[in-house]
Each structure stands twice: as C-alpha cells, then as structure tokens.
Amino acid sequence: MIRVTKSKMFVLLATLVLSLAFAGVASAAAAMPKTIKKDGMELVHLRQAAEMYGYSVKWDGKENSVTLMYTGKMTEDKMMDDKMTGDNTMDNKMLDDKMADNKMMDDSMKPAGQTIKLWIGSKKITVDGKKINLDAAAVLDHNNTYVSPALVTKYMKPASNM
C-alpha cells in the first residue's frame, strides 16, 4: 500500500492546479492574435485579427498596402467568446444553430468598417472611403503586417449591444 503524506498530497494537488491553469492560459493565448513591440508600442498581427473578425485580406505589393473586406464570417471561437461575454444564460441551441448554418451576424454585430485599406509605414488608413489617422503606422515584420490595437478595436471588432 502506498503511503501518502500531507506534503506529497499538497505537491500533487499544486502540480495539478498549475497544469490546469497553464492549459487554460495556453488555449486562450492561441485564440488571440500574435503581438510584437515596436518603438515601445504593442502591435497586433493583422491577418490573424482580420480573419478572427470576418475579414478577407488582400496584399498589394506595388502599393505596399493591405485591403480588408468584411465577409461576415467571424470564426466560431470568436462568435462564442463575444456572445458569452454578454449574457451567459443564452440558449445554447440558438448559438449552435447560428454556427451550424454559418449565417451572417445581425446588424448589431457588424464591425464599424466594411472595407479597410492601410499602407505599410503610414498612420493613414481608409475605412469605407473615409480617411482616418491612427496613433501608429502599420509595419512589416518577417513578412507579416502588424497594426495598432486601435485599428482592431475601433474599426474591425463588431459592436456588441448586449
């Protein structure tokens, strides 16, 4: 028979709790777009954020620009996160049906911009043809475009009215 002391049991339980905590952090981190620090500012990986919020991404090498077109197909994980942060008593059947049918979001869940265009090295972007200045320019890092989190939260992320 194995004899378990209180200290061994404590170490075992602590290890289990920490492994569960790290697993949760790792899965949450996988759903979030990558970030980098550039000139003291944190920037977000554009393609990951765009696809998460239902945008297609088109690169134009001649102009060094990126055009985002809203497709209305937010990832299932993001739909679940956004819906559940509002009302946790939501009917799961309704959520399953919405995801299974792959329907477009209702008007309250549409982002601020349907078409967003930005240029590498410029703080200027256009959102549905309207010129806007951001706090940081888009940058390339290892052939990936990174942008200010403000672009994502103000112009890509759907407004939640819950």
Protein backbone atom coordinates (compact mmCIF):
# COMPACT_ATOMS: atom_id res chain seq x y z
CA MET A 1 0.00 0.00 0.00
CA ILE A 2 1.28 3.43 -0.90
CA ARG A 3 1.59 5.82 1.98
CA VAL A 4 0.87 9.43 1.03
CA THR A 5 1.99 12.19 3.35
CA LYS A 6 0.30 15.56 3.54
CA SER A 7 3.24 17.26 1.87
CA LYS A 8 3.23 14.81 -1.05
CA MET A 9 -0.52 15.30 -1.48
CA PHE A 10 -0.06 19.07 -1.42
CA VAL A 11 2.66 18.93 -4.09
CA LEU A 12 0.49 16.65 -6.23
CA LEU A 13 -2.56 18.93 -5.95
CA ALA A 14 -0.48 22.07 -6.57
CA THR A 15 1.00 20.49 -9.70
CA LEU A 16 -2.45 19.54 -10.96
CA VAL A 17 -3.87 23.02 -10.33
CA LEU A 18 -0.93 24.73 -12.03
CA SER A 19 -1.07 22.42 -15.06
CA LEU A 20 -4.80 23.15 -15.48
CA ALA A 21 -4.18 26.89 -15.13
CA PHE A 22 -1.41 26.86 -17.75
CA ALA A 23 -3.54 24.80 -20.12
CA GLY A 24 -6.31 27.40 -19.88
CA VAL A 25 -3.88 30.26 -20.49
CA ALA A 26 -2.37 28.44 -23.48
CA SER A 27 -5.75 27.84 -25.11
CA ALA A 28 -6.79 31.46 -24.54
CA ALA A 29 -3.49 32.68 -25.97
CA ALA A 30 -3.94 30.54 -29.08
CA ALA A 31 -7.21 32.36 -29.85
CA MET A 32 -5.61 35.80 -29.52
CA PRO A 33 -3.63 37.35 -32.38
CA LYS A 34 0.16 37.50 -32.04
CA THR A 35 1.65 40.77 -30.91
CA ILE A 36 5.05 42.44 -31.20
CA LYS A 37 6.60 45.51 -29.60
CA LYS A 38 7.89 48.15 -31.98
CA ASP A 39 9.24 51.50 -30.76
CA GLY A 40 7.69 50.87 -27.34
CA MET A 41 4.21 50.20 -28.73
CA GLU A 42 2.43 46.86 -28.85
CA LEU A 43 1.18 45.95 -32.33
CA VAL A 44 -1.27 43.21 -33.38
CA HIS A 45 -0.84 40.65 -36.19
CA LEU A 46 -3.25 41.97 -38.82
CA ARG A 47 -4.16 38.78 -40.70
CA GLN A 48 -4.99 36.87 -37.51
CA ALA A 49 -7.17 39.69 -36.18
CA ALA A 50 -8.84 40.27 -39.54
CA GLU A 51 -9.75 36.63 -40.07
CA MET A 52 -10.97 36.34 -36.49
CA TYR A 53 -13.44 39.19 -37.10
CA GLY A 54 -14.64 38.04 -40.52
CA TYR A 55 -12.43 39.93 -42.99
CA SER A 56 -10.64 38.71 -46.08
CA VAL A 57 -7.11 40.06 -46.50
CA LYS A 58 -5.56 41.21 -49.79
CA TRP A 59 -1.93 42.32 -50.10
CA ASP A 60 -0.86 44.74 -52.85
CA GLY A 61 2.90 44.58 -53.27
CA LYS A 62 3.05 47.52 -55.70
CA GLU A 63 1.43 49.91 -53.20
CA ASN A 64 2.69 48.14 -50.05
CA SER A 65 -0.91 48.15 -48.90
CA VAL A 66 -3.40 45.76 -47.34
CA THR A 67 -7.12 45.81 -48.10
CA LEU A 68 -9.56 44.18 -45.70
CA MET A 69 -13.02 43.27 -46.94
CA TYR A 70 -15.69 42.29 -44.43
CA THR A 71 -17.16 38.88 -45.30
CA GLY A 72 -19.43 38.46 -42.29
CA LYS A 73 -17.92 35.12 -41.35
CA MET A 74 -16.50 35.54 -37.88
CA THR A 75 -14.67 32.48 -36.54
CA GLU A 76 -16.81 30.18 -34.38
CA ASP A 77 -14.49 30.67 -31.38
CA LYS A 78 -14.82 34.45 -31.64
CA MET A 79 -18.61 34.28 -32.04
CA MET A 80 -18.78 32.13 -28.92
CA ASP A 81 -16.49 34.47 -26.96
CA ASP A 82 -18.38 37.63 -27.96
CA LYS A 83 -21.79 36.12 -27.30
CA MET A 84 -20.83 34.59 -23.97
CA THR A 85 -19.21 37.74 -22.59
CA GLY A 86 -22.62 39.38 -22.73
CA ASP A 87 -25.28 37.03 -21.39
CA ASN A 88 -24.15 33.67 -20.03
CA THR A 89 -27.72 32.39 -19.92
CA MET A 90 -28.01 32.43 -23.70
CA ASP A 91 -29.78 29.47 -25.24
CA ASN A 92 -27.06 27.07 -26.49
CA LYS A 93 -29.40 25.66 -29.15
CA MET A 94 -29.68 29.11 -30.76
CA LEU A 95 -25.89 29.51 -30.76
CA ASP A 96 -25.38 26.02 -32.24
CA ASP A 97 -27.94 26.70 -34.98
CA LYS A 98 -26.31 30.02 -35.82
CA MET A 99 -22.88 28.45 -36.13
CA ALA A 100 -24.12 25.38 -37.98
CA ASP A 101 -25.99 27.44 -40.56
CA ASN A 102 -22.99 29.79 -40.90
CA LYS A 103 -25.37 32.76 -41.14
CA MET A 104 -24.18 36.33 -41.18
CA MET A 105 -24.22 38.28 -37.96
CA ASP A 106 -27.16 40.56 -37.25
CA ASP A 107 -26.74 44.33 -37.66
CA SER A 108 -25.74 44.83 -34.02
CA MET A 109 -22.71 42.59 -34.55
CA LYS A 110 -21.33 44.20 -37.71
CA PRO A 111 -17.99 46.00 -37.44
CA ALA A 112 -17.53 49.71 -37.99
CA GLY A 113 -15.80 49.24 -41.35
CA GLN A 114 -16.80 47.09 -44.32
CA THR A 115 -13.65 47.91 -46.32
CA ILE A 116 -10.41 48.98 -44.65
CA LYS A 117 -7.23 49.90 -46.51
CA LEU A 118 -3.88 50.63 -44.94
CA TRP A 119 -0.35 51.26 -46.15
CA ILE A 120 2.84 49.96 -44.59
CA GLY A 121 4.71 52.79 -42.85
CA SER A 122 1.70 55.11 -42.84
CA LYS A 123 -0.59 56.14 -39.99
CA LYS A 124 -3.30 56.93 -42.54
CA ILE A 125 -6.00 54.38 -43.37
CA THR A 126 -9.31 54.49 -45.16
CA VAL A 127 -12.46 52.97 -43.70
CA ASP A 128 -15.24 52.72 -46.26
CA GLY A 129 -13.53 55.51 -48.22
CA LYS A 130 -13.18 57.85 -45.23
CA LYS A 131 -9.61 58.89 -44.34
CA ILE A 132 -8.56 58.27 -40.74
CA ASN A 133 -5.29 58.80 -38.83
CA LEU A 134 -4.11 56.17 -36.35
CA ASP A 135 -1.67 56.51 -33.47
CA ALA A 136 0.84 54.09 -35.06
CA ALA A 137 1.81 53.15 -38.60
CA ALA A 138 1.38 49.62 -39.92
CA VAL A 139 4.69 47.74 -40.02
CA LEU A 140 6.08 44.63 -41.68
CA ASP A 141 7.93 42.13 -39.51
CA HIS A 142 9.10 38.86 -41.08
CA ASN A 143 6.62 39.36 -43.98
CA ASN A 144 3.70 39.83 -41.57
CA THR A 145 1.75 43.06 -41.14
CA TYR A 146 1.26 44.43 -37.62
CA VAL A 147 -1.07 47.29 -36.70
CA SER A 148 -2.18 49.36 -33.76
CA PRO A 149 -4.71 47.62 -31.48
CA ALA A 150 -6.91 50.71 -32.01
CA LEU A 151 -7.47 49.72 -35.64
CA VAL A 152 -8.82 46.36 -34.49
CA THR A 153 -11.00 47.60 -31.65
CA LYS A 154 -12.42 50.68 -33.39
CA TYR A 155 -12.79 49.56 -36.99
CA MET A 156 -12.79 45.74 -37.16
CA LYS A 157 -14.32 44.39 -33.97
CA PRO A 158 -18.12 44.15 -34.05
CA ALA A 159 -20.04 46.40 -31.70
CA SER A 160 -21.74 44.38 -29.02
CA ASN A 161 -25.07 45.74 -27.78
CA MET A 162 -25.59 43.14 -25.07
